[in-house]
Amino acid sequence: MKSSGFIEEAMHEHTELLFRIAYYYVKDSYAAEDIVQDVFMKLYCSHYEEKGELRAYLSRITANASKDYLKSWAYRKIKLSEKLFPQGKIIHRDFLVQQEEWNIIDQVILALPIKQREAIVYYYLENLSIKEISELIGRPESTVKSRLKSGRDLLKQNLAKEEWEVLLHD
């Protein structure tokens, strides 16, 4: 068990990063919050010794927990009930066009297949190198590069249809 000071410091420093990682996997903020809480519980109960960077360790645990969630019966049951009983989605309109455009980009990223999405998120949003991504997901660097390329191609294809008012003029 870890000291509460160590856990509090880790939570303060890494919660936002871990939430973004989990959210880009599961596409649900409540599930992402639960996953992040579970990650910190695992850290608290683990025998983690500072051998490397804590950020990479927590990121790997978060990615694995998110993948486990996507394989779980609870997730499949939610998706099945959404298909059987569709509910009207509430759309929150932002007054700022720029925020709308960033939301469009987020939606297009979330629509990517999981393998391309994880490469794009780690590379562009978390600023990890190809080598770091390769170590994190346990795949060769060439695989990461090909996933990045196919992800970029899909993004370009899906974003080309949009009319950009602000982001092209920044």
N, C-alpha and C. Protein backbone atom coordinates (compact mmCIF):
# COMPACT_ATOMS: atom_id res chain seq x y z
N MET A 1 0.84 -1.18 0.00
CA MET A 1 0.00 0.00 0.00
C MET A 1 0.89 1.24 0.00
N LYS A 2 0.42 2.23 -0.71
CA LYS A 2 1.16 3.47 -0.85
C LYS A 2 0.68 4.48 0.20
N SER A 3 1.52 5.47 0.46
CA SER A 3 1.11 6.53 1.37
C SER A 3 0.08 7.41 0.67
N SER A 4 -0.78 8.01 1.48
CA SER A 4 -1.84 8.84 0.89
C SER A 4 -1.25 10.07 0.21
N GLY A 5 -0.11 10.56 0.67
CA GLY A 5 0.53 11.71 0.03
C GLY A 5 1.00 11.39 -1.38
N PHE A 6 1.54 10.21 -1.57
CA PHE A 6 2.00 9.77 -2.89
C PHE A 6 0.81 9.66 -3.84
N ILE A 7 -0.28 9.07 -3.36
CA ILE A 7 -1.47 8.89 -4.19
C ILE A 7 -2.10 10.24 -4.52
N GLU A 8 -2.20 11.12 -3.54
CA GLU A 8 -2.78 12.45 -3.79
C GLU A 8 -1.96 13.22 -4.82
N GLU A 9 -0.66 13.15 -4.71
CA GLU A 9 0.21 13.83 -5.67
C GLU A 9 0.04 13.24 -7.07
N ALA A 10 -0.02 11.92 -7.16
CA ALA A 10 -0.22 11.26 -8.45
C ALA A 10 -1.58 11.64 -9.03
N MET A 11 -2.61 11.69 -8.20
CA MET A 11 -3.94 12.05 -8.68
C MET A 11 -3.96 13.49 -9.18
N HIS A 12 -3.35 14.38 -8.44
CA HIS A 12 -3.32 15.79 -8.83
C HIS A 12 -2.59 15.98 -10.16
N GLU A 13 -1.53 15.24 -10.34
CA GLU A 13 -0.69 15.41 -11.52
C GLU A 13 -1.21 14.67 -12.76
N HIS A 14 -1.85 13.53 -12.60
CA HIS A 14 -2.14 12.67 -13.74
C HIS A 14 -3.63 12.44 -14.04
N THR A 15 -4.53 12.93 -13.24
CA THR A 15 -5.95 12.64 -13.44
C THR A 15 -6.45 13.11 -14.80
N GLU A 16 -6.13 14.33 -15.18
CA GLU A 16 -6.62 14.87 -16.46
C GLU A 16 -6.13 14.03 -17.64
N LEU A 17 -4.86 13.68 -17.64
CA LEU A 17 -4.30 12.84 -18.71
C LEU A 17 -5.01 11.49 -18.77
N LEU A 18 -5.16 10.85 -17.64
CA LEU A 18 -5.77 9.53 -17.60
C LEU A 18 -7.24 9.59 -18.02
N PHE A 19 -7.93 10.65 -17.63
CA PHE A 19 -9.31 10.80 -18.04
C PHE A 19 -9.42 10.92 -19.56
N ARG A 20 -8.55 11.73 -20.15
CA ARG A 20 -8.58 11.88 -21.61
C ARG A 20 -8.30 10.56 -22.30
N ILE A 21 -7.33 9.81 -21.81
CA ILE A 21 -7.02 8.50 -22.41
C ILE A 21 -8.24 7.59 -22.33
N ALA A 22 -8.82 7.49 -21.14
CA ALA A 22 -9.98 6.61 -20.96
C ALA A 22 -11.16 7.09 -21.81
N TYR A 23 -11.37 8.39 -21.87
CA TYR A 23 -12.50 8.92 -22.63
C TYR A 23 -12.35 8.62 -24.11
N TYR A 24 -11.16 8.75 -24.64
CA TYR A 24 -10.97 8.49 -26.06
C TYR A 24 -11.10 7.01 -26.40
N TYR A 25 -11.02 6.15 -25.41
CA TYR A 25 -11.28 4.74 -25.64
C TYR A 25 -12.78 4.45 -25.55
N VAL A 26 -13.40 4.86 -24.45
CA VAL A 26 -14.76 4.41 -24.16
C VAL A 26 -15.85 5.36 -24.62
N LYS A 27 -15.53 6.59 -24.94
CA LYS A 27 -16.48 7.59 -25.46
C LYS A 27 -17.60 7.90 -24.47
N ASP A 28 -17.34 7.78 -23.19
CA ASP A 28 -18.35 8.04 -22.17
C ASP A 28 -17.64 8.63 -20.95
N SER A 29 -18.02 9.84 -20.58
CA SER A 29 -17.30 10.51 -19.50
C SER A 29 -17.49 9.82 -18.15
N TYR A 30 -18.69 9.27 -17.90
CA TYR A 30 -18.91 8.59 -16.62
C TYR A 30 -18.08 7.31 -16.52
N ALA A 31 -18.03 6.56 -17.60
CA ALA A 31 -17.22 5.34 -17.60
C ALA A 31 -15.74 5.70 -17.48
N ALA A 32 -15.32 6.78 -18.14
CA ALA A 32 -13.92 7.21 -18.07
C ALA A 32 -13.56 7.60 -16.64
N GLU A 33 -14.46 8.29 -15.95
CA GLU A 33 -14.21 8.65 -14.55
C GLU A 33 -14.05 7.40 -13.69
N ASP A 34 -14.92 6.42 -13.91
CA ASP A 34 -14.83 5.16 -13.15
C ASP A 34 -13.51 4.44 -13.42
N ILE A 35 -13.10 4.44 -14.67
CA ILE A 35 -11.84 3.78 -15.03
C ILE A 35 -10.67 4.46 -14.34
N VAL A 36 -10.66 5.79 -14.34
CA VAL A 36 -9.56 6.52 -13.69
C VAL A 36 -9.55 6.24 -12.19
N GLN A 37 -10.72 6.19 -11.58
CA GLN A 37 -10.78 5.85 -10.15
C GLN A 37 -10.21 4.45 -9.90
N ASP A 38 -10.57 3.51 -10.76
CA ASP A 38 -10.05 2.15 -10.62
C ASP A 38 -8.53 2.11 -10.78
N VAL A 39 -8.01 2.92 -11.70
CA VAL A 39 -6.56 2.97 -11.91
C VAL A 39 -5.86 3.45 -10.65
N PHE A 40 -6.40 4.48 -10.01
CA PHE A 40 -5.77 4.97 -8.79
C PHE A 40 -5.93 3.99 -7.63
N MET A 41 -7.03 3.25 -7.62
CA MET A 41 -7.18 2.20 -6.61
C MET A 41 -6.14 1.09 -6.82
N LYS A 42 -5.92 0.75 -8.09
CA LYS A 42 -4.91 -0.27 -8.39
C LYS A 42 -3.52 0.22 -7.97
N LEU A 43 -3.25 1.51 -8.22
CA LEU A 43 -1.96 2.08 -7.82
C LEU A 43 -1.83 2.04 -6.30
N TYR A 44 -2.90 2.37 -5.60
CA TYR A 44 -2.88 2.39 -4.14
C TYR A 44 -2.61 0.99 -3.57
N CYS A 45 -3.21 -0.01 -4.19
CA CYS A 45 -3.08 -1.38 -3.68
C CYS A 45 -1.87 -2.12 -4.24
N SER A 46 -1.20 -1.54 -5.21
CA SER A 46 -0.09 -2.24 -5.86
C SER A 46 1.21 -2.09 -5.08
N HIS A 47 2.18 -2.82 -5.53
CA HIS A 47 3.52 -2.73 -4.98
C HIS A 47 4.42 -2.00 -5.96
N TYR A 48 3.91 -0.89 -6.49
CA TYR A 48 4.63 -0.13 -7.51
C TYR A 48 5.91 0.45 -6.91
N GLU A 49 7.01 0.21 -7.61
CA GLU A 49 8.29 0.80 -7.24
C GLU A 49 8.72 1.70 -8.37
N GLU A 50 9.23 2.85 -8.04
CA GLU A 50 9.62 3.84 -9.05
C GLU A 50 10.80 3.32 -9.85
N LYS A 51 10.49 2.64 -10.97
CA LYS A 51 11.53 2.11 -11.86
C LYS A 51 11.64 2.97 -13.11
N GLY A 52 10.59 3.65 -13.42
CA GLY A 52 10.55 4.47 -14.63
C GLY A 52 9.62 5.63 -14.37
N GLU A 53 8.98 6.05 -15.40
CA GLU A 53 8.09 7.19 -15.27
C GLU A 53 6.70 6.74 -14.85
N LEU A 54 6.18 7.34 -13.82
CA LEU A 54 4.86 7.00 -13.30
C LEU A 54 3.78 7.28 -14.33
N ARG A 55 3.95 8.34 -15.11
CA ARG A 55 2.97 8.70 -16.14
C ARG A 55 2.77 7.56 -17.14
N ALA A 56 3.85 6.98 -17.60
CA ALA A 56 3.76 5.87 -18.56
C ALA A 56 3.09 4.66 -17.93
N TYR A 57 3.42 4.38 -16.69
CA TYR A 57 2.83 3.26 -15.97
C TYR A 57 1.33 3.43 -15.83
N LEU A 58 0.90 4.62 -15.40
CA LEU A 58 -0.53 4.88 -15.23
C LEU A 58 -1.25 4.91 -16.57
N SER A 59 -0.59 5.43 -17.60
CA SER A 59 -1.20 5.46 -18.93
C SER A 59 -1.45 4.05 -19.44
N ARG A 60 -0.50 3.18 -19.23
CA ARG A 60 -0.65 1.79 -19.67
C ARG A 60 -1.79 1.10 -18.91
N ILE A 61 -1.85 1.32 -17.62
CA ILE A 61 -2.93 0.73 -16.82
C ILE A 61 -4.29 1.26 -17.30
N THR A 62 -4.36 2.57 -17.58
CA THR A 62 -5.60 3.17 -18.04
C THR A 62 -6.02 2.61 -19.39
N ALA A 63 -5.08 2.50 -20.31
CA ALA A 63 -5.39 1.95 -21.64
C ALA A 63 -5.90 0.52 -21.51
N ASN A 64 -5.22 -0.28 -20.69
CA ASN A 64 -5.65 -1.67 -20.52
C ASN A 64 -7.01 -1.76 -19.83
N ALA A 65 -7.25 -0.91 -18.84
CA ALA A 65 -8.54 -0.92 -18.15
C ALA A 65 -9.66 -0.49 -19.11
N SER A 66 -9.35 0.46 -19.97
CA SER A 66 -10.35 0.91 -20.96
C SER A 66 -10.67 -0.19 -21.95
N LYS A 67 -9.64 -0.89 -22.40
CA LYS A 67 -9.87 -2.01 -23.32
C LYS A 67 -10.68 -3.12 -22.65
N ASP A 68 -10.38 -3.38 -21.37
CA ASP A 68 -11.14 -4.38 -20.63
C ASP A 68 -12.60 -3.96 -20.51
N TYR A 69 -12.83 -2.68 -20.27
CA TYR A 69 -14.20 -2.18 -20.18
C TYR A 69 -14.95 -2.40 -21.49
N LEU A 70 -14.28 -2.13 -22.61
CA LEU A 70 -14.92 -2.31 -23.92
C LEU A 70 -15.25 -3.77 -24.21
N LYS A 71 -14.54 -4.69 -23.57
CA LYS A 71 -14.82 -6.12 -23.74
C LYS A 71 -15.85 -6.64 -22.74
N SER A 72 -16.18 -5.83 -21.74
CA SER A 72 -17.02 -6.30 -20.63
C SER A 72 -18.48 -6.46 -21.03
N TRP A 73 -19.17 -7.28 -20.27
CA TRP A 73 -20.58 -7.50 -20.49
C TRP A 73 -21.36 -6.22 -20.19
N ALA A 74 -20.96 -5.46 -19.21
CA ALA A 74 -21.67 -4.23 -18.86
C ALA A 74 -21.70 -3.26 -20.05
N TYR A 75 -20.58 -3.13 -20.72
CA TYR A 75 -20.51 -2.24 -21.88
C TYR A 75 -21.40 -2.76 -23.01
N ARG A 76 -21.31 -4.05 -23.28
CA ARG A 76 -22.12 -4.64 -24.36
C ARG A 76 -23.61 -4.52 -24.04
N LYS A 77 -23.96 -4.66 -22.78
CA LYS A 77 -25.36 -4.54 -22.36
C LYS A 77 -25.85 -3.11 -22.58
N ILE A 78 -25.01 -2.12 -22.28
CA ILE A 78 -25.38 -0.72 -22.50
C ILE A 78 -25.58 -0.46 -23.98
N LYS A 79 -24.68 -0.93 -24.81
CA LYS A 79 -24.78 -0.72 -26.26
C LYS A 79 -26.02 -1.41 -26.82
N LEU A 80 -26.31 -2.59 -26.33
CA LEU A 80 -27.50 -3.31 -26.78
C LEU A 80 -28.76 -2.55 -26.40
N SER A 81 -28.83 -2.06 -25.17
CA SER A 81 -30.02 -1.32 -24.75
C SER A 81 -30.16 -0.01 -25.50
N GLU A 82 -29.05 0.63 -25.88
CA GLU A 82 -29.12 1.85 -26.70
C GLU A 82 -29.67 1.54 -28.08
N LYS A 83 -29.32 0.38 -28.63
CA LYS A 83 -29.85 0.01 -29.95
C LYS A 83 -31.33 -0.35 -29.87
N LEU A 84 -31.72 -1.05 -28.81
CA LEU A 84 -33.10 -1.46 -28.68
C LEU A 84 -34.03 -0.31 -28.29
N PHE A 85 -33.54 0.56 -27.43
CA PHE A 85 -34.35 1.68 -26.92
C PHE A 85 -33.61 3.00 -27.13
N PRO A 86 -33.55 3.47 -28.37
CA PRO A 86 -32.83 4.71 -28.63
C PRO A 86 -33.50 5.90 -27.95
N GLN A 87 -32.68 6.75 -27.38
CA GLN A 87 -33.18 7.96 -26.75
C GLN A 87 -32.65 9.15 -27.52
N GLY A 88 -33.43 10.19 -27.56
CA GLY A 88 -32.98 11.41 -28.23
C GLY A 88 -31.79 11.98 -27.51
N LYS A 89 -30.76 12.30 -28.25
CA LYS A 89 -29.56 12.86 -27.64
C LYS A 89 -29.74 14.35 -27.43
N ILE A 90 -29.27 14.83 -26.31
CA ILE A 90 -29.34 16.24 -26.00
C ILE A 90 -28.09 16.90 -26.58
N ILE A 91 -28.32 17.91 -27.37
CA ILE A 91 -27.20 18.61 -27.99
C ILE A 91 -27.02 19.95 -27.29
N HIS A 92 -25.86 20.15 -26.72
CA HIS A 92 -25.53 21.41 -26.09
C HIS A 92 -24.86 22.30 -27.12
N ARG A 93 -25.47 23.41 -27.41
CA ARG A 93 -24.91 24.30 -28.43
C ARG A 93 -24.00 25.32 -27.76
N ASP A 94 -22.83 25.44 -28.27
CA ASP A 94 -21.90 26.46 -27.81
C ASP A 94 -22.14 27.72 -28.60
N PHE A 95 -21.89 28.81 -27.98
CA PHE A 95 -22.05 30.07 -28.66
C PHE A 95 -20.81 30.40 -29.47
N LEU A 96 -19.72 29.80 -29.16
CA LEU A 96 -18.48 30.08 -29.88
C LEU A 96 -18.30 29.09 -31.01
N VAL A 97 -18.12 29.62 -32.19
CA VAL A 97 -17.94 28.77 -33.37
C VAL A 97 -16.69 27.93 -33.23
N GLN A 98 -15.65 28.49 -32.67
CA GLN A 98 -14.40 27.74 -32.51
C GLN A 98 -14.62 26.51 -31.65
N GLN A 99 -15.37 26.66 -30.58
CA GLN A 99 -15.65 25.50 -29.73
C GLN A 99 -16.42 24.44 -30.49
N GLU A 100 -17.35 24.87 -31.33
CA GLU A 100 -18.10 23.92 -32.15
C GLU A 100 -17.17 23.15 -33.08
N GLU A 101 -16.21 23.87 -33.66
CA GLU A 101 -15.29 23.22 -34.58
C GLU A 101 -14.39 22.23 -33.86
N TRP A 102 -13.96 22.57 -32.65
CA TRP A 102 -13.17 21.62 -31.87
C TRP A 102 -14.01 20.40 -31.50
N ASN A 103 -15.27 20.63 -31.24
CA ASN A 103 -16.17 19.50 -30.95
C ASN A 103 -16.31 18.58 -32.15
N ILE A 104 -16.37 19.17 -33.35
CA ILE A 104 -16.44 18.37 -34.57
C ILE A 104 -15.19 17.51 -34.70
N ILE A 105 -14.05 18.11 -34.43
CA ILE A 105 -12.79 17.37 -34.51
C ILE A 105 -12.80 16.23 -33.49
N ASP A 106 -13.25 16.50 -32.28
CA ASP A 106 -13.34 15.45 -31.26
C ASP A 106 -14.25 14.31 -31.72
N GLN A 107 -15.38 14.65 -32.30
CA GLN A 107 -16.32 13.63 -32.76
C GLN A 107 -15.71 12.78 -33.86
N VAL A 108 -14.98 13.42 -34.76
CA VAL A 108 -14.36 12.66 -35.85
C VAL A 108 -13.28 11.75 -35.30
N ILE A 109 -12.53 12.23 -34.31
CA ILE A 109 -11.51 11.38 -33.67
C ILE A 109 -12.19 10.19 -32.98
N LEU A 110 -13.29 10.46 -32.27
CA LEU A 110 -13.99 9.38 -31.57
C LEU A 110 -14.62 8.38 -32.53
N ALA A 111 -14.88 8.80 -33.76
CA ALA A 111 -15.47 7.90 -34.74
C ALA A 111 -14.44 6.99 -35.40
N LEU A 112 -13.16 7.29 -35.20
CA LEU A 112 -12.11 6.45 -35.79
C LEU A 112 -12.13 5.06 -35.17
N PRO A 113 -11.68 4.05 -35.91
CA PRO A 113 -11.51 2.73 -35.31
C PRO A 113 -10.51 2.81 -34.15
N ILE A 114 -10.67 1.95 -33.18
CA ILE A 114 -9.91 2.03 -31.93
C ILE A 114 -8.39 2.06 -32.16
N LYS A 115 -7.88 1.29 -33.08
CA LYS A 115 -6.43 1.23 -33.28
C LYS A 115 -5.90 2.55 -33.82
N GLN A 116 -6.59 3.14 -34.76
CA GLN A 116 -6.15 4.43 -35.31
C GLN A 116 -6.39 5.54 -34.28
N ARG A 117 -7.50 5.46 -33.54
CA ARG A 117 -7.81 6.47 -32.55
C ARG A 117 -6.74 6.51 -31.46
N GLU A 118 -6.32 5.35 -31.00
CA GLU A 118 -5.34 5.34 -29.92
C GLU A 118 -4.00 5.91 -30.40
N ALA A 119 -3.60 5.62 -31.63
CA ALA A 119 -2.36 6.17 -32.16
C ALA A 119 -2.45 7.69 -32.30
N ILE A 120 -3.57 8.19 -32.83
CA ILE A 120 -3.77 9.63 -33.01
C ILE A 120 -3.78 10.34 -31.65
N VAL A 121 -4.51 9.80 -30.70
CA VAL A 121 -4.62 10.43 -29.38
C VAL A 121 -3.26 10.49 -28.69
N TYR A 122 -2.57 9.38 -28.67
CA TYR A 122 -1.26 9.38 -28.00
C TYR A 122 -0.27 10.31 -28.71
N TYR A 123 -0.26 10.32 -30.02
CA TYR A 123 0.73 11.09 -30.76
C TYR A 123 0.43 12.59 -30.72
N TYR A 124 -0.81 12.97 -31.02
CA TYR A 124 -1.13 14.38 -31.15
C TYR A 124 -1.64 15.02 -29.87
N LEU A 125 -2.42 14.31 -29.09
CA LEU A 125 -2.99 14.92 -27.91
C LEU A 125 -2.13 14.72 -26.67
N GLU A 126 -1.42 13.61 -26.58
CA GLU A 126 -0.57 13.35 -25.43
C GLU A 126 0.90 13.60 -25.73
N ASN A 127 1.21 13.96 -26.97
CA ASN A 127 2.57 14.29 -27.40
C ASN A 127 3.60 13.20 -27.10
N LEU A 128 3.20 11.95 -27.28
CA LEU A 128 4.13 10.85 -27.10
C LEU A 128 4.83 10.57 -28.43
N SER A 129 6.06 10.12 -28.37
CA SER A 129 6.79 9.76 -29.58
C SER A 129 6.31 8.41 -30.09
N ILE A 130 6.66 8.08 -31.31
CA ILE A 130 6.27 6.79 -31.87
C ILE A 130 6.85 5.65 -31.04
N LYS A 131 8.08 5.84 -30.58
CA LYS A 131 8.72 4.81 -29.75
C LYS A 131 7.95 4.63 -28.43
N GLU A 132 7.55 5.74 -27.80
CA GLU A 132 6.80 5.65 -26.54
C GLU A 132 5.44 4.98 -26.76
N ILE A 133 4.79 5.32 -27.85
CA ILE A 133 3.49 4.69 -28.16
C ILE A 133 3.68 3.20 -28.38
N SER A 134 4.74 2.86 -29.10
CA SER A 134 5.04 1.46 -29.38
C SER A 134 5.20 0.67 -28.08
N GLU A 135 5.93 1.23 -27.13
CA GLU A 135 6.13 0.57 -25.84
C GLU A 135 4.83 0.51 -25.04
N LEU A 136 4.05 1.57 -25.12
CA LEU A 136 2.81 1.65 -24.35
C LEU A 136 1.78 0.63 -24.81
N ILE A 137 1.61 0.48 -26.12
CA ILE A 137 0.58 -0.45 -26.61
C ILE A 137 1.14 -1.83 -26.93
N GLY A 138 2.46 -1.98 -26.86
CA GLY A 138 3.07 -3.30 -27.08
C GLY A 138 3.06 -3.75 -28.53
N ARG A 139 3.21 -2.81 -29.44
CA ARG A 139 3.26 -3.11 -30.87
C ARG A 139 4.53 -2.52 -31.46
N PRO A 140 5.01 -3.05 -32.59
CA PRO A 140 6.22 -2.51 -33.22
C PRO A 140 6.01 -1.07 -33.70
N GLU A 141 7.11 -0.33 -33.81
CA GLU A 141 7.03 1.06 -34.26
C GLU A 141 6.42 1.17 -35.65
N SER A 142 6.71 0.21 -36.51
CA SER A 142 6.15 0.26 -37.87
C SER A 142 4.62 0.15 -37.83
N THR A 143 4.09 -0.61 -36.90
CA THR A 143 2.65 -0.74 -36.75
C THR A 143 2.05 0.60 -36.30
N VAL A 144 2.73 1.24 -35.35
CA VAL A 144 2.27 2.55 -34.87
C VAL A 144 2.27 3.56 -36.02
N LYS A 145 3.34 3.55 -36.82
CA LYS A 145 3.42 4.48 -37.95
C LYS A 145 2.30 4.23 -38.95
N SER A 146 2.02 2.98 -39.25
CA SER A 146 0.95 2.69 -40.23
C SER A 146 -0.42 3.06 -39.65
N ARG A 147 -0.62 2.86 -38.34
CA ARG A 147 -1.89 3.26 -37.73
C ARG A 147 -2.05 4.78 -37.74
N LEU A 148 -0.94 5.48 -37.50
CA LEU A 148 -0.99 6.94 -37.56
C LEU A 148 -1.35 7.42 -38.96
N LYS A 149 -0.72 6.82 -39.97
CA LYS A 149 -0.98 7.23 -41.34
C LYS A 149 -2.43 6.96 -41.72
N SER A 150 -2.91 5.77 -41.42
CA SER A 150 -4.30 5.46 -41.78
C SER A 150 -5.27 6.33 -40.98
N GLY A 151 -4.93 6.63 -39.73
CA GLY A 151 -5.76 7.52 -38.92
C GLY A 151 -5.80 8.93 -39.49
N ARG A 152 -4.65 9.45 -39.90
CA ARG A 152 -4.59 10.77 -40.53
C ARG A 152 -5.41 10.80 -41.81
N ASP A 153 -5.30 9.75 -42.61
CA ASP A 153 -6.05 9.68 -43.87
C ASP A 153 -7.55 9.70 -43.61
N LEU A 154 -7.99 8.92 -42.62
CA LEU A 154 -9.41 8.90 -42.27
C LEU A 154 -9.87 10.26 -41.74
N LEU A 155 -9.04 10.89 -40.90
CA LEU A 155 -9.38 12.21 -40.39
C LEU A 155 -9.52 13.22 -41.51
N LYS A 156 -8.53 13.21 -42.41
CA LYS A 156 -8.55 14.14 -43.53
C LYS A 156 -9.80 13.94 -44.37
N GLN A 157 -10.12 12.70 -44.63
CA GLN A 157 -11.30 12.36 -45.44
C GLN A 157 -12.59 12.84 -44.76
N ASN A 158 -12.70 12.61 -43.47
CA ASN A 158 -13.92 12.97 -42.75
C ASN A 158 -14.03 14.47 -42.45
N LEU A 159 -12.89 15.13 -42.28
CA LEU A 159 -12.92 16.56 -41.97
C LEU A 159 -12.99 17.43 -43.22
N ALA A 160 -12.71 16.87 -44.38
CA ALA A 160 -12.74 17.65 -45.62
C ALA A 160 -14.15 18.12 -45.95
N LYS A 161 -15.15 17.44 -45.44
CA LYS A 161 -16.54 17.78 -45.73
C LYS A 161 -17.02 19.00 -44.96
N GLU A 162 -16.33 19.35 -43.89
CA GLU A 162 -16.77 20.42 -42.99
C GLU A 162 -16.41 21.80 -43.53
N GLU A 163 -17.23 22.78 -43.18
CA GLU A 163 -16.93 24.17 -43.49
C GLU A 163 -16.32 24.79 -42.25
N TRP A 164 -15.12 25.30 -42.37
CA TRP A 164 -14.39 25.83 -41.22
C TRP A 164 -14.43 27.35 -41.25
N GLU A 165 -14.94 27.93 -40.18
CA GLU A 165 -15.03 29.38 -40.11
C GLU A 165 -13.88 29.98 -39.33
N VAL A 166 -13.46 29.32 -38.27
CA VAL A 166 -12.47 29.90 -37.37
C VAL A 166 -11.12 29.21 -37.49
N LEU A 167 -11.08 27.90 -37.42
CA LEU A 167 -9.82 27.19 -37.31
C LEU A 167 -8.90 27.40 -38.52
N LEU A 168 -9.46 27.58 -39.69
CA LEU A 168 -8.61 27.82 -40.86
C LEU A 168 -8.06 29.23 -40.87
N HIS A 169 -8.65 30.12 -40.07
CA HIS A 169 -8.23 31.52 -40.07
C HIS A 169 -7.38 31.88 -38.86
N ASP A 170 -7.10 30.94 -37.98
CA ASP A 170 -6.26 31.22 -36.81
C ASP A 170 -4.82 31.35 -37.20
